[in-house]
Amino acid sequence: MDLGNHIKQLRKSKNLTAVQLATMVGITREHLSAVENNIKPISLSTLEKVCDVLGVTLTEFFADESDLSPELSQLLRTAKTLTPEQLKMLNDFIESLIKKED
């Protein structure tokens, strides 16, 4: 897994700049840039902070979603933030879209 690129993709999906993420994590933009470009390794404690800011667990970060499109990956990340009631509404909506195509 390309950790740096994965961090960059997640950061961009959250509409954060490198400066914003670095500030929120407590590192310099240069450090983050070096990590995202695989020039410098990232410590586990810093990765945990990055994941916390980006709203993913370490398990989710390392989950292999490489076969998913960026749009579907974003949908899954968003869905994970919904309440059970909101998830039911989303599922009902998706099912209604599918039924309209039949």
Protein backbone atom coordinates (compact mmCIF):
# COMPACT_ATOMS: atom_id res chain seq x y z
CA MET A 1 0.00 0.00 0.00
CA ASP A 2 1.22 3.47 -0.87
CA LEU A 3 0.66 5.15 2.50
CA GLY A 4 1.57 8.63 1.35
CA ASN A 5 -0.74 8.58 -1.63
CA HIS A 6 -3.52 7.10 0.47
CA ILE A 7 -3.19 9.93 3.00
CA LYS A 8 -3.22 12.47 0.17
CA GLN A 9 -6.36 10.96 -1.38
CA LEU A 10 -8.18 10.91 1.96
CA ARG A 11 -7.08 14.48 2.68
CA LYS A 12 -8.38 15.67 -0.68
CA SER A 13 -11.65 13.77 -0.23
CA LYS A 14 -12.17 15.80 2.95
CA ASN A 15 -11.38 19.03 1.07
CA LEU A 16 -8.40 19.77 3.30
CA THR A 17 -5.21 21.43 2.16
CA ALA A 18 -1.86 20.03 3.21
CA VAL A 19 -1.40 23.06 5.46
CA GLN A 20 -4.76 22.47 7.16
CA LEU A 21 -4.13 18.77 7.78
CA ALA A 22 -0.57 19.35 8.98
CA THR A 23 -1.75 22.03 11.40
CA MET A 24 -4.54 19.83 12.74
CA VAL A 25 -2.13 16.91 13.20
CA GLY A 26 0.62 19.04 14.73
CA ILE A 27 3.30 18.61 12.08
CA THR A 28 4.73 20.94 9.46
CA ARG A 29 3.42 21.13 5.93
CA GLU A 30 6.88 20.08 4.75
CA HIS A 31 6.75 16.96 6.91
CA LEU A 32 3.30 16.07 5.57
CA SER A 33 4.44 16.69 2.01
CA ALA A 34 7.43 14.40 2.52
CA VAL A 35 5.12 11.70 3.89
CA GLU A 36 2.57 12.08 1.08
CA ASN A 37 5.36 11.84 -1.49
CA ASN A 38 6.88 8.79 0.23
CA ILE A 39 10.13 10.62 0.93
CA LYS A 40 9.79 10.27 4.69
CA PRO A 41 8.11 7.48 6.69
CA ILE A 42 5.26 8.25 9.04
CA SER A 43 5.27 7.18 12.67
CA LEU A 44 2.35 5.19 13.99
CA SER A 45 1.43 7.94 16.44
CA THR A 46 1.35 10.53 13.64
CA LEU A 47 -0.65 8.19 11.40
CA GLU A 48 -3.16 7.74 14.23
CA LYS A 49 -3.52 11.53 14.47
CA VAL A 50 -3.93 11.79 10.69
CA CYS A 51 -6.62 9.10 10.72
CA ASP A 52 -8.40 10.81 13.62
CA VAL A 53 -8.47 14.14 11.78
CA LEU A 54 -9.63 12.45 8.56
CA GLY A 55 -12.36 10.55 10.39
CA VAL A 56 -11.14 7.01 9.73
CA THR A 57 -9.86 4.29 12.01
CA LEU A 58 -6.51 2.62 11.42
CA THR A 59 -8.44 -0.49 10.37
CA GLU A 60 -10.38 1.50 7.79
CA PHE A 61 -7.19 3.20 6.62
CA PHE A 62 -5.53 -0.13 5.92
CA ALA A 63 -8.67 -1.83 4.50
CA ASP A 64 -8.14 -2.82 0.88
CA GLU A 65 -10.67 -0.82 -1.07
CA SER A 66 -8.47 -0.66 -4.14
CA ASP A 67 -11.13 -2.30 -6.28
CA LEU A 68 -13.63 0.45 -5.43
CA SER A 69 -14.02 3.59 -7.47
CA PRO A 70 -13.18 6.87 -5.71
CA GLU A 71 -16.88 7.77 -5.75
CA LEU A 72 -17.89 4.53 -4.04
CA SER A 73 -15.08 4.87 -1.50
CA GLN A 74 -16.29 8.39 -0.69
CA LEU A 75 -19.88 7.13 -0.37
CA LEU A 76 -18.76 4.46 2.10
CA ARG A 77 -16.77 6.98 4.16
CA THR A 78 -19.77 9.30 4.26
CA ALA A 79 -22.20 6.51 5.10
CA LYS A 80 -20.06 5.54 8.10
CA THR A 81 -20.83 8.92 9.66
CA LEU A 82 -24.62 8.49 9.45
CA THR A 83 -26.93 7.50 12.27
CA PRO A 84 -28.79 4.16 12.00
CA GLU A 85 -31.94 6.05 11.00
CA GLN A 86 -30.08 7.98 8.30
CA LEU A 87 -28.52 4.75 7.00
CA LYS A 88 -31.99 3.21 6.68
CA MET A 89 -33.22 6.26 4.77
CA LEU A 90 -30.17 6.12 2.48
CA ASN A 91 -30.68 2.42 1.86
CA ASP A 92 -34.37 2.96 1.10
CA PHE A 93 -33.46 5.74 -1.33
CA ILE A 94 -30.88 3.58 -3.11
CA GLU A 95 -33.37 0.72 -3.38
CA SER A 96 -35.93 3.10 -4.89
CA LEU A 97 -33.38 4.18 -7.49
CA ILE A 98 -32.73 0.57 -8.41
CA LYS A 99 -36.44 -0.20 -8.67
CA LYS A 100 -36.96 2.77 -11.03
CA GLU A 101 -34.39 1.27 -13.43
CA ASP A 102 -36.17 -2.10 -13.55
